[in-house]
Amino acid sequence: MTALDDGAMAQKTKNLEIVGQYQFESGFRPSIAWLQSVAYTPEHSRFNRVKYLDLALFYDLNEHFTLYVDHKINRLNGGSDAVRAHELSSANVTAAGMVYHF
């Protein structure tokens, strides 16, 4: 088994997620979140698999449609041996979309 196998990693990972959101009557919902996942492996002892700040804004057009824009500010050190060895992304990501609620 390698360090990235789900069974091996799941037993040696600690996760933290903190999310804050507020729903305005106008339909806007800003969101801020911190996500971090720390793995423990024999190869790298302790390293961050995930570490980012997430900023998002949601807007409810009506009861069925929600628009959103989301920006992930990655805090992983792209130059670290563990990040390179496990091929983890250290790039920032922005996404936008629309969700239909049935």
PDB file of N, CA and C in Angstrom:
ATOM      1  N   MET A   1       0.825  -1.191   0.000  1.00  0.00           N
ATOM      2  CA  MET A   1       0.000   0.000   0.000  1.00  0.00           C
ATOM      3  C   MET A   1       0.865   1.248   0.000  1.00  0.00           C
ATOM      4  N   THR A   2       0.463   2.220  -0.791  1.00  0.00           N
ATOM      5  CA  THR A   2       1.187   3.485  -0.781  1.00  0.00           C
ATOM      6  C   THR A   2       0.514   4.447   0.193  1.00  0.00           C
ATOM      7  N   ALA A   3       1.169   5.564   0.449  1.00  0.00           N
ATOM      8  CA  ALA A   3       0.634   6.541   1.392  1.00  0.00           C
ATOM      9  C   ALA A   3      -0.683   7.150   0.912  1.00  0.00           C
ATOM     10  N   LEU A   4      -0.957   7.096  -0.391  1.00  0.00           N
ATOM     11  CA  LEU A   4      -2.176   7.704  -0.899  1.00  0.00           C
ATOM     12  C   LEU A   4      -3.352   6.741  -0.973  1.00  0.00           C
ATOM     13  N   ASP A   5      -3.152   5.460  -0.634  1.00  0.00           N
ATOM     14  CA  ASP A   5      -4.271   4.525  -0.608  1.00  0.00           C
ATOM     15  C   ASP A   5      -5.264   4.986   0.449  1.00  0.00           C
ATOM     16  N   ASP A   6      -6.558   4.945   0.118  1.00  0.00           N
ATOM     17  CA  ASP A   6      -7.585   5.457   1.026  1.00  0.00           C
ATOM     18  C   ASP A   6      -7.522   4.807   2.397  1.00  0.00           C
ATOM     19  N   GLY A   7      -7.357   3.512   2.463  1.00  0.00           N
ATOM     20  CA  GLY A   7      -7.319   2.816   3.749  1.00  0.00           C
ATOM     21  C   GLY A   7      -6.137   3.220   4.597  1.00  0.00           C
ATOM     22  N   ALA A   8      -4.965   3.347   3.998  1.00  0.00           N
ATOM     23  CA  ALA A   8      -3.763   3.706   4.745  1.00  0.00           C
ATOM     24  C   ALA A   8      -3.821   5.147   5.218  1.00  0.00           C
ATOM     25  N   MET A   9      -4.296   6.059   4.378  1.00  0.00           N
ATOM     26  CA  MET A   9      -4.304   7.463   4.732  1.00  0.00           C
ATOM     27  C   MET A   9      -5.397   7.781   5.750  1.00  0.00           C
ATOM     28  N   ALA A  10      -6.551   7.148   5.628  1.00  0.00           N
ATOM     29  CA  ALA A  10      -7.684   7.471   6.491  1.00  0.00           C
ATOM     30  C   ALA A  10      -7.374   7.215   7.960  1.00  0.00           C
ATOM     31  N   GLN A  11      -6.556   6.232   8.250  1.00  0.00           N
ATOM     32  CA  GLN A  11      -6.219   5.915   9.631  1.00  0.00           C
ATOM     33  C   GLN A  11      -5.191   6.884  10.196  1.00  0.00           C
ATOM     34  N   LYS A  12      -4.578   7.692   9.369  1.00  0.00           N
ATOM     35  CA  LYS A  12      -3.493   8.556   9.804  1.00  0.00           C
ATOM     36  C   LYS A  12      -3.723  10.014   9.417  1.00  0.00           C
ATOM     37  N   THR A  13      -4.974  10.452   9.371  1.00  0.00           N
ATOM     38  CA  THR A  13      -5.283  11.815   8.944  1.00  0.00           C
ATOM     39  C   THR A  13      -6.187  12.488   9.965  1.00  0.00           C
ATOM     40  N   LYS A  14      -5.890  13.761  10.251  1.00  0.00           N
ATOM     41  CA  LYS A  14      -6.747  14.573  11.121  1.00  0.00           C
ATOM     42  C   LYS A  14      -7.246  15.755  10.300  1.00  0.00           C
ATOM     43  N   ASN A  15      -8.559  16.016  10.385  1.00  0.00           N
ATOM     44  CA  ASN A  15      -9.182  17.064   9.578  1.00  0.00           C
ATOM     45  C   ASN A  15      -9.780  18.149  10.456  1.00  0.00           C
ATOM     46  N   LEU A  16      -9.750  19.377   9.948  1.00  0.00           N
ATOM     47  CA  LEU A  16     -10.368  20.517  10.613  1.00  0.00           C
ATOM     48  C   LEU A  16     -11.086  21.346   9.563  1.00  0.00           C
ATOM     49  N   GLU A  17     -12.369  21.620   9.798  1.00  0.00           N
ATOM     50  CA  GLU A  17     -13.140  22.485   8.910  1.00  0.00           C
ATOM     51  C   GLU A  17     -13.909  23.474   9.773  1.00  0.00           C
ATOM     52  N   ILE A  18     -13.745  24.759   9.473  1.00  0.00           N
ATOM     53  CA  ILE A  18     -14.472  25.814  10.169  1.00  0.00           C
ATOM     54  C   ILE A  18     -15.154  26.647   9.091  1.00  0.00           C
ATOM     55  N   VAL A  19     -16.482  26.798   9.201  1.00  0.00           N
ATOM     56  CA  VAL A  19     -17.250  27.513   8.186  1.00  0.00           C
ATOM     57  C   VAL A  19     -18.122  28.564   8.855  1.00  0.00           C
ATOM     58  N   GLY A  20     -18.132  29.766   8.280  1.00  0.00           N
ATOM     59  CA  GLY A  20     -19.024  30.818   8.742  1.00  0.00           C
ATOM     60  C   GLY A  20     -19.808  31.358   7.558  1.00  0.00           C
ATOM     61  N   GLN A  21     -21.140  31.431   7.714  1.00  0.00           N
ATOM     62  CA  GLN A  21     -21.998  31.949   6.648  1.00  0.00           C
ATOM     63  C   GLN A  21     -23.087  32.812   7.274  1.00  0.00           C
ATOM     64  N   TYR A  22     -23.604  33.745   6.485  1.00  0.00           N
ATOM     65  CA  TYR A  22     -24.740  34.551   6.926  1.00  0.00           C
ATOM     66  C   TYR A  22     -25.695  34.721   5.754  1.00  0.00           C
ATOM     67  N   GLN A  23     -26.969  34.440   5.987  1.00  0.00           N
ATOM     68  CA  GLN A  23     -27.988  34.555   4.938  1.00  0.00           C
ATOM     69  C   GLN A  23     -28.706  35.892   5.084  1.00  0.00           C
ATOM     70  N   PHE A  24     -28.550  36.769   4.075  1.00  0.00           N
ATOM     71  CA  PHE A  24     -29.266  38.039   4.058  1.00  0.00           C
ATOM     72  C   PHE A  24     -30.651  37.830   3.448  1.00  0.00           C
ATOM     73  N   GLU A  25     -31.595  38.680   3.827  1.00  0.00           N
ATOM     74  CA  GLU A  25     -32.948  38.581   3.276  1.00  0.00           C
ATOM     75  C   GLU A  25     -32.972  38.807   1.771  1.00  0.00           C
ATOM     76  N   SER A  26     -32.000  39.527   1.248  1.00  0.00           N
ATOM     77  CA  SER A  26     -31.928  39.807  -0.188  1.00  0.00           C
ATOM     78  C   SER A  26     -31.571  38.574  -1.018  1.00  0.00           C
ATOM     79  N   GLY A  27     -31.143  37.500  -0.366  1.00  0.00           N
ATOM     80  CA  GLY A  27     -30.758  36.286  -1.077  1.00  0.00           C
ATOM     81  C   GLY A  27     -29.253  36.071  -1.136  1.00  0.00           C
ATOM     82  N   PHE A  28     -28.469  37.073  -0.722  1.00  0.00           N
ATOM     83  CA  PHE A  28     -27.010  36.919  -0.691  1.00  0.00           C
ATOM     84  C   PHE A  28     -26.587  36.131   0.542  1.00  0.00           C
ATOM     85  N   ARG A  29     -25.585  35.262   0.355  1.00  0.00           N
ATOM     86  CA  ARG A  29     -25.027  34.488   1.464  1.00  0.00           C
ATOM     87  C   ARG A  29     -23.509  34.429   1.314  1.00  0.00           C
ATOM     88  N   PRO A  30     -22.773  35.299   2.005  1.00  0.00           N
ATOM     89  CA  PRO A  30     -21.313  35.206   1.986  1.00  0.00           C
ATOM     90  C   PRO A  30     -20.862  34.031   2.859  1.00  0.00           C
ATOM     91  N   SER A  31     -19.718  33.482   2.513  1.00  0.00           N
ATOM     92  CA  SER A  31     -19.200  32.331   3.250  1.00  0.00           C
ATOM     93  C   SER A  31     -17.678  32.428   3.341  1.00  0.00           C
ATOM     94  N   ILE A  32     -17.153  32.070   4.490  1.00  0.00           N
ATOM     95  CA  ILE A  32     -15.708  31.967   4.674  1.00  0.00           C
ATOM     96  C   ILE A  32     -15.442  30.648   5.402  1.00  0.00           C
ATOM     97  N   ALA A  33     -14.413  29.950   4.960  1.00  0.00           N
ATOM     98  CA  ALA A  33     -14.119  28.641   5.562  1.00  0.00           C
ATOM     99  C   ALA A  33     -12.614  28.407   5.596  1.00  0.00           C
ATOM    100  N   TRP A  34     -12.169  27.655   6.598  1.00  0.00           N
ATOM    101  CA  TRP A  34     -10.783  27.206   6.711  1.00  0.00           C
ATOM    102  C   TRP A  34     -10.825  25.685   6.720  1.00  0.00           C
ATOM    103  N   LEU A  35     -10.061  25.054   5.827  1.00  0.00           N
ATOM    104  CA  LEU A  35     -10.008  23.599   5.763  1.00  0.00           C
ATOM    105  C   LEU A  35      -8.556  23.150   5.826  1.00  0.00           C
ATOM    106  N   GLN A  36      -8.313  22.156   6.661  1.00  0.00           N
ATOM    107  CA  GLN A  36      -6.958  21.628   6.804  1.00  0.00           C
ATOM    108  C   GLN A  36      -7.041  20.137   7.087  1.00  0.00           C
ATOM    109  N   SER A  37      -6.194  19.395   6.422  1.00  0.00           N
ATOM    110  CA  SER A  37      -6.107  17.953   6.612  1.00  0.00           C
ATOM    111  C   SER A  37      -4.635  17.599   6.784  1.00  0.00           C
ATOM    112  N   VAL A  38      -4.287  17.072   7.955  1.00  0.00           N
ATOM    113  CA  VAL A  38      -2.899  16.734   8.280  1.00  0.00           C
ATOM    114  C   VAL A  38      -2.755  15.217   8.263  1.00  0.00           C
ATOM    115  N   ALA A  39      -1.800  14.738   7.484  1.00  0.00           N
ATOM    116  CA  ALA A  39      -1.559  13.297   7.363  1.00  0.00           C
ATOM    117  C   ALA A  39      -0.275  12.913   8.078  1.00  0.00           C
ATOM    118  N   TYR A  40      -0.256  11.705   8.561  1.00  0.00           N
ATOM    119  CA  TYR A  40       0.922  11.155   9.224  1.00  0.00           C
ATOM    120  C   TYR A  40       1.326   9.889   8.477  1.00  0.00           C
ATOM    121  N   THR A  41       2.516   9.907   7.868  1.00  0.00           N
ATOM    122  CA  THR A  41       3.007   8.760   7.115  1.00  0.00           C
ATOM    123  C   THR A  41       4.440   8.463   7.531  1.00  0.00           C
ATOM    124  N   PRO A  42       4.886   7.236   7.331  1.00  0.00           N
ATOM    125  CA  PRO A  42       6.280   6.906   7.649  1.00  0.00           C
ATOM    126  C   PRO A  42       7.275   7.695   6.800  1.00  0.00           C
ATOM    127  N   GLU A  43       6.900   7.991   5.525  1.00  0.00           N
ATOM    128  CA  GLU A  43       7.830   8.679   4.631  1.00  0.00           C
ATOM    129  C   GLU A  43       8.081  10.128   5.027  1.00  0.00           C
ATOM    130  N   HIS A  44       7.005  10.843   5.419  1.00  0.00           N
ATOM    131  CA  HIS A  44       7.134  12.283   5.664  1.00  0.00           C
ATOM    132  C   HIS A  44       6.702  12.674   7.072  1.00  0.00           C
ATOM    133  N   SER A  45       6.511  11.719   7.942  1.00  0.00           N
ATOM    134  CA  SER A  45       6.117  11.987   9.316  1.00  0.00           C
ATOM    135  C   SER A  45       4.780  12.729   9.335  1.00  0.00           C
ATOM    136  N   ARG A  46       4.779  14.041   9.341  1.00  0.00           N
ATOM    137  CA  ARG A  46       3.551  14.840   9.393  1.00  0.00           C
ATOM    138  C   ARG A  46       3.589  15.851   8.248  1.00  0.00           C
ATOM    139  N   PHE A  47       2.513  15.918   7.449  1.00  0.00           N
ATOM    140  CA  PHE A  47       2.451  16.923   6.392  1.00  0.00           C
ATOM    141  C   PHE A  47       0.997  17.288   6.109  1.00  0.00           C
ATOM    142  N   ASN A  48       0.796  18.461   5.546  1.00  0.00           N
ATOM    143  CA  ASN A  48      -0.540  18.943   5.199  1.00  0.00           C
ATOM    144  C   ASN A  48      -0.944  18.415   3.829  1.00  0.00           C
ATOM    145  N   ARG A  49      -2.056  17.677   3.778  1.00  0.00           N
ATOM    146  CA  ARG A  49      -2.607  17.224   2.500  1.00  0.00           C
ATOM    147  C   ARG A  49      -3.491  18.313   1.905  1.00  0.00           C
ATOM    148  N   VAL A  50      -4.208  19.028   2.760  1.00  0.00           N
ATOM    149  CA  VAL A  50      -5.105  20.111   2.351  1.00  0.00           C
ATOM    150  C   VAL A  50      -4.935  21.233   3.353  1.00  0.00           C
ATOM    151  N   LYS A  51      -4.836  22.456   2.841  1.00  0.00           N
ATOM    152  CA  LYS A  51      -4.739  23.610   3.734  1.00  0.00           C
ATOM    153  C   LYS A  51      -5.122  24.835   2.911  1.00  0.00           C
ATOM    154  N   TYR A  52      -6.365  25.318   3.095  1.00  0.00           N
ATOM    155  CA  TYR A  52      -6.782  26.475   2.313  1.00  0.00           C
ATOM    156  C   TYR A  52      -7.883  27.276   2.988  1.00  0.00           C
ATOM    157  N   LEU A  53      -7.967  28.536   2.562  1.00  0.00           N
ATOM    158  CA  LEU A  53      -9.025  29.452   2.957  1.00  0.00           C
ATOM    159  C   LEU A  53      -9.987  29.529   1.784  1.00  0.00           C
ATOM    160  N   ASP A  54     -11.272  29.363   2.054  1.00  0.00           N
ATOM    161  CA  ASP A  54     -12.277  29.359   1.007  1.00  0.00           C
ATOM    162  C   ASP A  54     -13.206  30.560   1.191  1.00  0.00           C
ATOM    163  N   LEU A  55     -13.295  31.409   0.165  1.00  0.00           N
ATOM    164  CA  LEU A  55     -14.182  32.567   0.173  1.00  0.00           C
ATOM    165  C   LEU A  55     -15.243  32.346  -0.896  1.00  0.00           C
ATOM    166  N   ALA A  56     -16.508  32.482  -0.526  1.00  0.00           N
ATOM    167  CA  ALA A  56     -17.581  32.213  -1.476  1.00  0.00           C
ATOM    168  C   ALA A  56     -18.715  33.212  -1.293  1.00  0.00           C
ATOM    169  N   LEU A  57     -19.481  33.369  -2.355  1.00  0.00           N
ATOM    170  CA  LEU A  57     -20.677  34.210  -2.317  1.00  0.00           C
ATOM    171  C   LEU A  57     -21.766  33.479  -3.091  1.00  0.00           C
ATOM    172  N   PHE A  58     -22.912  33.306  -2.438  1.00  0.00           N
ATOM    173  CA  PHE A  58     -24.056  32.640  -3.031  1.00  0.00           C
ATOM    174  C   PHE A  58     -25.181  33.660  -3.188  1.00  0.00           C
ATOM    175  N   TYR A  59     -25.989  33.497  -4.225  1.00  0.00           N
ATOM    176  CA  TYR A  59     -27.152  34.355  -4.408  1.00  0.00           C
ATOM    177  C   TYR A  59     -28.323  33.496  -4.855  1.00  0.00           C
ATOM    178  N   ASP A  60     -29.395  33.516  -4.071  1.00  0.00           N
ATOM    179  CA  ASP A  60     -30.598  32.751  -4.403  1.00  0.00           C
ATOM    180  C   ASP A  60     -31.454  33.571  -5.358  1.00  0.00           C
ATOM    181  N   LEU A  61     -31.515  33.157  -6.621  1.00  0.00           N
ATOM    182  CA  LEU A  61     -32.365  33.841  -7.598  1.00  0.00           C
ATOM    183  C   LEU A  61     -33.839  33.647  -7.265  1.00  0.00           C
ATOM    184  N   ASN A  62     -34.176  32.414  -6.894  1.00  0.00           N
ATOM    185  CA  ASN A  62     -35.523  32.062  -6.446  1.00  0.00           C
ATOM    186  C   ASN A  62     -35.391  30.784  -5.621  1.00  0.00           C
ATOM    187  N   GLU A  63     -36.480  30.133  -5.328  1.00  0.00           N
ATOM    188  CA  GLU A  63     -36.406  28.951  -4.467  1.00  0.00           C
ATOM    189  C   GLU A  63     -35.721  27.757  -5.135  1.00  0.00           C
ATOM    190  N   HIS A  64     -35.540  27.815  -6.469  1.00  0.00           N
ATOM    191  CA  HIS A  64     -34.928  26.694  -7.177  1.00  0.00           C
ATOM    192  C   HIS A  64     -33.508  26.954  -7.682  1.00  0.00           C
ATOM    193  N   PHE A  65     -33.147  28.201  -7.965  1.00  0.00           N
ATOM    194  CA  PHE A  65     -31.848  28.501  -8.554  1.00  0.00           C
ATOM    195  C   PHE A  65     -30.953  29.291  -7.597  1.00  0.00           C
ATOM    196  N   THR A  66     -29.709  28.848  -7.473  1.00  0.00           N
ATOM    197  CA  THR A  66     -28.698  29.553  -6.691  1.00  0.00           C
ATOM    198  C   THR A  66     -27.466  29.753  -7.564  1.00  0.00           C
ATOM    199  N   LEU A  67     -26.983  30.982  -7.624  1.00  0.00           N
ATOM    200  CA  LEU A  67     -25.726  31.295  -8.293  1.00  0.00           C
ATOM    201  C   LEU A  67     -24.629  31.358  -7.252  1.00  0.00           C
ATOM    202  N   TYR A  68     -23.402  30.981  -7.634  1.00  0.00           N
ATOM    203  CA  TYR A  68     -22.306  31.069  -6.671  1.00  0.00           C
ATOM    204  C   TYR A  68     -20.985  31.358  -7.367  1.00  0.00           C
ATOM    205  N   VAL A  69     -20.095  31.964  -6.620  1.00  0.00           N
ATOM    206  CA  VAL A  69     -18.698  32.114  -7.013  1.00  0.00           C
ATOM    207  C   VAL A  69     -17.877  31.728  -5.785  1.00  0.00           C
ATOM    208  N   ASP A  70     -16.815  30.973  -6.004  1.00  0.00           N
ATOM    209  CA  ASP A  70     -16.034  30.397  -4.913  1.00  0.00           C
ATOM    210  C   ASP A  70     -14.553  30.536  -5.239  1.00  0.00           C
ATOM    211  N   HIS A  71     -13.770  30.990  -4.285  1.00  0.00           N
ATOM    212  CA  HIS A  71     -12.327  31.133  -4.499  1.00  0.00           C
ATOM    213  C   HIS A  71     -11.580  30.433  -3.366  1.00  0.00           C
ATOM    214  N   LYS A  72     -10.716  29.499  -3.742  1.00  0.00           N
ATOM    215  CA  LYS A  72      -9.923  28.745  -2.781  1.00  0.00           C
ATOM    216  C   LYS A  72      -8.497  29.298  -2.792  1.00  0.00           C
ATOM    217  N   ILE A  73      -8.058  29.830  -1.644  1.00  0.00           N
ATOM    218  CA  ILE A  73      -6.702  30.345  -1.503  1.00  0.00           C
ATOM    219  C   ILE A  73      -5.869  29.241  -0.855  1.00  0.00           C
ATOM    220  N   ASN A  74      -5.083  28.564  -1.670  1.00  0.00           N
ATOM    221  CA  ASN A  74      -4.306  27.418  -1.215  1.00  0.00           C
ATOM    222  C   ASN A  74      -3.116  27.876  -0.379  1.00  0.00           C
ATOM    223  N   ARG A  75      -2.929  27.257   0.781  1.00  0.00           N
ATOM    224  CA  ARG A  75      -1.847  27.605   1.678  1.00  0.00           C
ATOM    225  C   ARG A  75      -0.776  26.510   1.738  1.00  0.00           C
ATOM    226  N   LEU A  76      -0.854  25.520   0.849  1.00  0.00           N
ATOM    227  CA  LEU A  76       0.177  24.483   0.806  1.00  0.00           C
ATOM    228  C   LEU A  76       1.457  25.064   0.226  1.00  0.00           C
ATOM    229  N   ASN A  77       2.582  24.635   0.742  1.00  0.00           N
ATOM    230  CA  ASN A  77       3.889  25.041   0.230  1.00  0.00           C
ATOM    231  C   ASN A  77       4.233  24.130  -0.939  1.00  0.00           C
ATOM    232  N   GLY A  78       4.113  24.647  -2.158  1.00  0.00           N
ATOM    233  CA  GLY A  78       4.361  23.846  -3.360  1.00  0.00           C
ATOM    234  C   GLY A  78       5.777  23.320  -3.463  1.00  0.00           C
ATOM    235  N   GLY A  79       6.723  23.911  -2.741  1.00  0.00           N
ATOM    236  CA  GLY A  79       8.107  23.474  -2.806  1.00  0.00           C
ATOM    237  C   GLY A  79       8.469  22.394  -1.798  1.00  0.00           C
ATOM    238  N   SER A  80       7.522  22.015  -0.930  1.00  0.00           N
ATOM    239  CA  SER A  80       7.870  21.016   0.090  1.00  0.00           C
ATOM    240  C   SER A  80       7.969  19.622  -0.522  1.00  0.00           C
ATOM    241  N   ASP A  81       8.822  18.793   0.060  1.00  0.00           N
ATOM    242  CA  ASP A  81       9.028  17.424  -0.435  1.00  0.00           C
ATOM    243  C   ASP A  81       7.739  16.611  -0.379  1.00  0.00           C
ATOM    244  N   ALA A  82       6.967  16.755   0.699  1.00  0.00           N
ATOM    245  CA  ALA A  82       5.741  15.973   0.854  1.00  0.00           C
ATOM    246  C   ALA A  82       4.718  16.347  -0.207  1.00  0.00           C
ATOM    247  N   VAL A  83       4.568  17.633  -0.507  1.00  0.00           N
ATOM    248  CA  VAL A  83       3.608  18.070  -1.524  1.00  0.00           C
ATOM    249  C   VAL A  83       4.015  17.529  -2.884  1.00  0.00           C
ATOM    250  N   ARG A  84       5.293  17.609  -3.224  1.00  0.00           N
ATOM    251  CA  ARG A  84       5.754  17.083  -4.511  1.00  0.00           C
ATOM    252  C   ARG A  84       5.645  15.565  -4.554  1.00  0.00           C
ATOM    253  N   ALA A  85       6.014  14.887  -3.480  1.00  0.00           N
ATOM    254  CA  ALA A  85       5.992  13.422  -3.464  1.00  0.00           C
ATOM    255  C   ALA A  85       4.581  12.872  -3.625  1.00  0.00           C
ATOM    256  N   HIS A  86       3.589  13.554  -3.073  1.00  0.00           N
ATOM    257  CA  HIS A  86       2.209  13.072  -3.137  1.00  0.00           C
ATOM    258  C   HIS A  86       1.399  13.767  -4.226  1.00  0.00           C
ATOM    259  N   GLU A  87       2.084  14.559  -5.071  1.00  0.00           N
ATOM    260  CA  GLU A  87       1.470  15.232  -6.216  1.00  0.00           C
ATOM    261  C   GLU A  87       0.238  16.036  -5.817  1.00  0.00           C
ATOM    262  N   LEU A  88       0.355  16.805  -4.740  1.00  0.00           N
ATOM    263  CA  LEU A  88      -0.731  17.643  -4.260  1.00  0.00           C
ATOM    264  C   LEU A  88      -0.682  18.999  -4.955  1.00  0.00           C
ATOM    265  N   SER A  89      -1.821  19.548  -5.266  1.00  0.00           N
ATOM    266  CA  SER A  89      -1.884  20.846  -5.932  1.00  0.00           C
ATOM    267  C   SER A  89      -1.707  21.964  -4.916  1.00  0.00           C
ATOM    268  N   SER A  90      -0.902  22.951  -5.267  1.00  0.00           N
ATOM    269  CA  SER A  90      -0.742  24.122  -4.404  1.00  0.00           C
ATOM    270  C   SER A  90      -1.255  25.378  -5.107  1.00  0.00           C
ATOM    271  N   ALA A  91      -2.108  25.195  -6.116  1.00  0.00           N
ATOM    272  CA  ALA A  91      -2.639  26.314  -6.894  1.00  0.00           C
ATOM    273  C   ALA A  91      -3.927  26.856  -6.271  1.00  0.00           C
ATOM    274  N   ASN A  92      -4.164  28.151  -6.463  1.00  0.00           N
ATOM    275  CA  ASN A  92      -5.440  28.746  -6.093  1.00  0.00           C
ATOM    276  C   ASN A  92      -6.462  28.375  -7.156  1.00  0.00           C
ATOM    277  N   VAL A  93      -7.741  28.271  -6.746  1.00  0.00           N
ATOM    278  CA  VAL A  93      -8.792  27.853  -7.676  1.00  0.00           C
ATOM    279  C   VAL A  93     -10.005  28.764  -7.510  1.00  0.00           C
ATOM    280  N   THR A  94     -10.579  29.185  -8.637  1.00  0.00           N
ATOM    281  CA  THR A  94     -11.814  29.956  -8.623  1.00  0.00           C
ATOM    282  C   THR A  94     -12.855  29.209  -9.444  1.00  0.00           C
ATOM    283  N   ALA A  95     -14.072  29.152  -8.923  1.00  0.00           N
ATOM    284  CA  ALA A  95     -15.157  28.467  -9.623  1.00  0.00           C
ATOM    285  C   ALA A  95     -16.418  29.316  -9.537  1.00  0.00           C
ATOM    286  N   ALA A  96     -17.266  29.183 -10.532  1.00  0.00           N
ATOM    287  CA  ALA A  96     -18.565  29.846 -10.545  1.00  0.00           C
ATOM    288  C   ALA A  96     -19.572  28.880 -11.133  1.00  0.00           C
ATOM    289  N   GLY A  97     -20.800  29.000 -10.694  1.00  0.00           N
ATOM    290  CA  GLY A  97     -21.791  28.087 -11.227  1.00  0.00           C
ATOM    291  C   GLY A  97     -23.197  28.424 -10.793  1.00  0.00           C
ATOM    292  N   MET A  98     -24.098  27.550 -11.200  1.00  0.00           N
ATOM    293  CA  MET A  98     -25.508  27.686 -10.852  1.00  0.00           C
ATOM    294  C   MET A  98     -26.001  26.318 -10.396  1.00  0.00           C
ATOM    295  N   VAL A  99     -26.783  26.312  -9.330  1.00  0.00           N
ATOM    296  CA  VAL A  99     -27.329  25.073  -8.771  1.00  0.00           C
ATOM    297  C   VAL A  99     -28.849  25.113  -8.885  1.00  0.00           C
ATOM    298  N   TYR A 100     -29.428  24.021  -9.337  1.00  0.00           N
ATOM    299  CA  TYR A 100     -30.894  23.896  -9.376  1.00  0.00           C
ATOM    300  C   TYR A 100     -31.299  22.978  -8.239  1.00  0.00           C
ATOM    301  N   HIS A 101     -32.192  23.434  -7.399  1.00  0.00           N
ATOM    302  CA  HIS A 101     -32.706  22.647  -6.270  1.00  0.00           C
ATOM    303  C   HIS A 101     -34.062  22.069  -6.652  1.00  0.00           C
ATOM    304  N   PHE A 102     -34.189  20.743  -6.637  1.00  0.00           N
ATOM    305  CA  PHE A 102     -35.469  20.088  -6.958  1.00  0.00           C
ATOM    306  C   PHE A 102     -36.428  20.209  -5.814  1.00  0.00           C
TER     307      PHE A 102
END
